[in-house]
Amino acid sequence: MQESIQKFLIEDNLDPKKVSSNWEIIKNETVAIYKASLGLTGEIDLSQDVTPTIEWAASPLNQPPAFPIWFLSAYPDVVKYFSNLEDEDMKAVFGELDETALDDEGSLKMQVLRSIVNDFKVKHKLECA
């Protein structure tokens, strides 16, 4: 994992087990598919450590393209919350986001992601914390 991502996650004191478990579910798109694949791989079942929002976040239909998968695994509750905001509410929080908010891969830049997390933490507790 990139050092910048590690620093980002450490700042919020996230539970690595929850983040890893969420990552596995996202790779498989549902808890059911993940559990079915365990029979083939013989790996340890991590599904008991996933967060409540992961079923929503694991569905490709719910994944906003500007959020990197590592962020979705660590902050599924944050992504869902901001995905459900109306445009006017988003503008009130962040102003007008344009292409300068995106990195070369089309994902939101770290400073934008940090602002999103910090704004969420004002009113909510992080699921992976």
C-alpha atoms as a PDB file:
ATOM      1  CA  MET A   1       0.000   0.000   0.000  1.00  0.00           C
ATOM      2  CA  GLN A   2       1.270   3.440  -0.829  1.00  0.00           C
ATOM      3  CA  GLU A   3       2.706   5.407   2.052  1.00  0.00           C
ATOM      4  CA  SER A   4       0.332   8.327   1.414  1.00  0.00           C
ATOM      5  CA  ILE A   5      -2.679   6.008   1.712  1.00  0.00           C
ATOM      6  CA  GLN A   6      -1.323   4.475   4.915  1.00  0.00           C
ATOM      7  CA  LYS A   7      -0.872   7.924   6.456  1.00  0.00           C
ATOM      8  CA  PHE A   8      -4.395   8.856   5.398  1.00  0.00           C
ATOM      9  CA  LEU A   9      -5.891   5.780   7.097  1.00  0.00           C
ATOM     10  CA  ILE A  10      -3.753   6.111  10.238  1.00  0.00           C
ATOM     11  CA  GLU A  11      -5.018   9.654  10.763  1.00  0.00           C
ATOM     12  CA  ASP A  12      -8.491   8.245  11.451  1.00  0.00           C
ATOM     13  CA  ASN A  13      -7.245   5.310  13.542  1.00  0.00           C
ATOM     14  CA  LEU A  14      -9.111   2.797  11.394  1.00  0.00           C
ATOM     15  CA  ASP A  15      -9.325  -0.883  12.272  1.00  0.00           C
ATOM     16  CA  PRO A  16      -7.146  -2.703   9.688  1.00  0.00           C
ATOM     17  CA  LYS A  17      -9.220  -5.867  10.058  1.00  0.00           C
ATOM     18  CA  LYS A  18     -12.423  -4.035   9.092  1.00  0.00           C
ATOM     19  CA  VAL A  19     -10.756  -2.318   6.145  1.00  0.00           C
ATOM     20  CA  SER A  20      -9.260  -5.623   4.903  1.00  0.00           C
ATOM     21  CA  SER A  21     -12.571  -7.423   5.322  1.00  0.00           C
ATOM     22  CA  ASN A  22     -14.392  -4.688   3.416  1.00  0.00           C
ATOM     23  CA  TRP A  23     -11.752  -4.887   0.655  1.00  0.00           C
ATOM     24  CA  GLU A  24     -12.416  -8.622   0.225  1.00  0.00           C
ATOM     25  CA  ILE A  25     -16.166  -8.095  -0.056  1.00  0.00           C
ATOM     26  CA  ILE A  26     -15.725  -5.289  -2.606  1.00  0.00           C
ATOM     27  CA  LYS A  27     -13.485  -7.554  -4.710  1.00  0.00           C
ATOM     28  CA  ASN A  28     -16.281 -10.151  -4.746  1.00  0.00           C
ATOM     29  CA  GLU A  29     -19.200  -7.660  -5.047  1.00  0.00           C
ATOM     30  CA  THR A  30     -21.333  -9.266  -2.280  1.00  0.00           C
ATOM     31  CA  VAL A  31     -20.884 -11.108   0.995  1.00  0.00           C
ATOM     32  CA  ALA A  32     -22.640 -14.125  -0.551  1.00  0.00           C
ATOM     33  CA  ILE A  33     -20.174 -14.367  -3.453  1.00  0.00           C
ATOM     34  CA  TYR A  34     -17.267 -13.875  -1.058  1.00  0.00           C
ATOM     35  CA  LYS A  35     -18.501 -16.702   1.185  1.00  0.00           C
ATOM     36  CA  ALA A  36     -19.050 -18.993  -1.797  1.00  0.00           C
ATOM     37  CA  SER A  37     -15.496 -18.364  -2.995  1.00  0.00           C
ATOM     38  CA  LEU A  38     -14.096 -19.366   0.407  1.00  0.00           C
ATOM     39  CA  GLY A  39     -14.999 -22.961  -0.352  1.00  0.00           C
ATOM     40  CA  LEU A  40     -12.743 -22.823  -3.381  1.00  0.00           C
ATOM     41  CA  THR A  41      -9.818 -20.972  -1.828  1.00  0.00           C
ATOM     42  CA  GLY A  42      -9.835 -22.321   1.719  1.00  0.00           C
ATOM     43  CA  GLU A  43      -9.086 -18.834   3.081  1.00  0.00           C
ATOM     44  CA  ILE A  44     -10.253 -17.609   6.490  1.00  0.00           C
ATOM     45  CA  ASP A  45     -13.751 -16.081   6.539  1.00  0.00           C
ATOM     46  CA  LEU A  46     -13.420 -12.345   7.193  1.00  0.00           C
ATOM     47  CA  SER A  47     -17.079 -11.520   6.618  1.00  0.00           C
ATOM     48  CA  GLN A  48     -17.847 -11.240  10.349  1.00  0.00           C
ATOM     49  CA  ASP A  49     -15.579  -8.155  10.450  1.00  0.00           C
ATOM     50  CA  VAL A  50     -17.216  -6.152   7.654  1.00  0.00           C
ATOM     51  CA  THR A  51     -18.986  -2.884   8.325  1.00  0.00           C
ATOM     52  CA  PRO A  52     -22.762  -2.343   7.976  1.00  0.00           C
ATOM     53  CA  THR A  53     -22.522  -0.284   4.773  1.00  0.00           C
ATOM     54  CA  ILE A  54     -20.317  -2.709   2.855  1.00  0.00           C
ATOM     55  CA  GLU A  55     -23.147  -4.531   1.063  1.00  0.00           C
ATOM     56  CA  TRP A  56     -24.183  -1.196  -0.449  1.00  0.00           C
ATOM     57  CA  ALA A  57     -20.590  -0.195  -1.241  1.00  0.00           C
ATOM     58  CA  ALA A  58     -19.641  -3.566  -2.764  1.00  0.00           C
ATOM     59  CA  SER A  59     -22.229  -3.282  -5.519  1.00  0.00           C
ATOM     60  CA  PRO A  60     -20.608  -1.811  -8.648  1.00  0.00           C
ATOM     61  CA  LEU A  61     -23.877   0.018  -9.307  1.00  0.00           C
ATOM     62  CA  ASN A  62     -23.372   2.063  -6.131  1.00  0.00           C
ATOM     63  CA  GLN A  63     -19.682   2.885  -6.541  1.00  0.00           C
ATOM     64  CA  PRO A  64     -19.105   6.477  -7.631  1.00  0.00           C
ATOM     65  CA  PRO A  65     -16.188   6.451 -10.085  1.00  0.00           C
ATOM     66  CA  ALA A  66     -14.268   9.276  -8.417  1.00  0.00           C
ATOM     67  CA  PHE A  67     -13.697   7.302  -5.206  1.00  0.00           C
ATOM     68  CA  PRO A  68     -10.729   4.901  -5.285  1.00  0.00           C
ATOM     69  CA  ILE A  69     -11.353   1.336  -4.095  1.00  0.00           C
ATOM     70  CA  TRP A  70      -9.022   1.730  -1.095  1.00  0.00           C
ATOM     71  CA  PHE A  71     -11.155   4.672   0.047  1.00  0.00           C
ATOM     72  CA  LEU A  72     -14.381   2.767  -0.517  1.00  0.00           C
ATOM     73  CA  SER A  73     -13.033  -0.117   1.586  1.00  0.00           C
ATOM     74  CA  ALA A  74     -12.009   2.150   4.446  1.00  0.00           C
ATOM     75  CA  TYR A  75     -14.892   4.642   4.321  1.00  0.00           C
ATOM     76  CA  PRO A  76     -17.976   2.950   2.806  1.00  0.00           C
ATOM     77  CA  ASP A  77     -20.235   4.920   5.144  1.00  0.00           C
ATOM     78  CA  VAL A  78     -18.691   8.205   4.025  1.00  0.00           C
ATOM     79  CA  VAL A  79     -19.068   7.342   0.338  1.00  0.00           C
ATOM     80  CA  LYS A  80     -22.707   6.334   0.804  1.00  0.00           C
ATOM     81  CA  TYR A  81     -23.481   9.472   2.786  1.00  0.00           C
ATOM     82  CA  PHE A  82     -21.997  11.810   0.191  1.00  0.00           C
ATOM     83  CA  SER A  83     -23.444   9.816  -2.706  1.00  0.00           C
ATOM     84  CA  ASN A  84     -26.917  10.476  -1.316  1.00  0.00           C
ATOM     85  CA  LEU A  85     -26.457  14.236  -0.933  1.00  0.00           C
ATOM     86  CA  GLU A  86     -28.145  16.554  -3.363  1.00  0.00           C
ATOM     87  CA  ASP A  87     -25.873  18.651  -5.593  1.00  0.00           C
ATOM     88  CA  GLU A  88     -26.726  21.796  -3.650  1.00  0.00           C
ATOM     89  CA  ASP A  89     -25.691  20.183  -0.358  1.00  0.00           C
ATOM     90  CA  MET A  90     -22.401  19.017  -1.904  1.00  0.00           C
ATOM     91  CA  LYS A  91     -21.708  22.522  -3.181  1.00  0.00           C
ATOM     92  CA  ALA A  92     -22.398  23.946   0.275  1.00  0.00           C
ATOM     93  CA  VAL A  93     -19.707  21.651   1.726  1.00  0.00           C
ATOM     94  CA  PHE A  94     -17.065  21.743  -1.012  1.00  0.00           C
ATOM     95  CA  GLY A  95     -17.956  24.495  -3.391  1.00  0.00           C
ATOM     96  CA  GLU A  96     -17.690  23.794  -7.090  1.00  0.00           C
ATOM     97  CA  LEU A  97     -15.587  20.660  -7.708  1.00  0.00           C
ATOM     98  CA  ASP A  98     -14.044  20.549 -11.170  1.00  0.00           C
ATOM     99  CA  GLU A  99     -11.353  18.504 -12.931  1.00  0.00           C
ATOM    100  CA  THR A 100      -8.657  20.034 -10.697  1.00  0.00           C
ATOM    101  CA  ALA A 101     -10.109  17.963  -7.837  1.00  0.00           C
ATOM    102  CA  LEU A 102      -9.187  14.773  -9.705  1.00  0.00           C
ATOM    103  CA  ASP A 103      -5.825  13.038  -9.972  1.00  0.00           C
ATOM    104  CA  ASP A 104      -4.350  11.533 -13.161  1.00  0.00           C
ATOM    105  CA  GLU A 105      -6.414   8.348 -12.670  1.00  0.00           C
ATOM    106  CA  GLY A 106      -9.728  10.214 -12.386  1.00  0.00           C
ATOM    107  CA  SER A 107     -10.047   9.748  -8.627  1.00  0.00           C
ATOM    108  CA  LEU A 108     -10.556  12.533  -6.133  1.00  0.00           C
ATOM    109  CA  LYS A 109      -7.275  13.929  -4.826  1.00  0.00           C
ATOM    110  CA  MET A 110      -6.179  13.134  -1.273  1.00  0.00           C
ATOM    111  CA  GLN A 111      -6.915  16.640   0.025  1.00  0.00           C
ATOM    112  CA  VAL A 112     -10.492  16.439  -1.309  1.00  0.00           C
ATOM    113  CA  LEU A 113     -10.951  12.993   0.232  1.00  0.00           C
ATOM    114  CA  ARG A 114      -9.605  14.298   3.557  1.00  0.00           C
ATOM    115  CA  SER A 115     -12.108  17.185   3.451  1.00  0.00           C
ATOM    116  CA  ILE A 116     -14.933  14.725   2.801  1.00  0.00           C
ATOM    117  CA  VAL A 117     -13.913  12.514   5.740  1.00  0.00           C
ATOM    118  CA  ASN A 118     -13.417  15.464   8.073  1.00  0.00           C
ATOM    119  CA  ASP A 119     -16.817  16.903   7.186  1.00  0.00           C
ATOM    120  CA  PHE A 120     -18.467  13.506   7.791  1.00  0.00           C
ATOM    121  CA  LYS A 121     -16.737  13.097  11.169  1.00  0.00           C
ATOM    122  CA  VAL A 122     -18.281  16.316  12.473  1.00  0.00           C
ATOM    123  CA  LYS A 123     -21.665  14.570  12.765  1.00  0.00           C
ATOM    124  CA  HIS A 124     -20.953  10.832  12.425  1.00  0.00           C
ATOM    125  CA  LYS A 125     -18.674   8.108  13.725  1.00  0.00           C
ATOM    126  CA  LEU A 126     -16.657   6.216  11.125  1.00  0.00           C
ATOM    127  CA  GLU A 127     -17.694   2.571  10.710  1.00  0.00           C
ATOM    128  CA  CYS A 128     -14.110   1.333  10.348  1.00  0.00           C
ATOM    129  CA  ALA A 129     -12.860   3.215  13.399  1.00  0.00           C
END
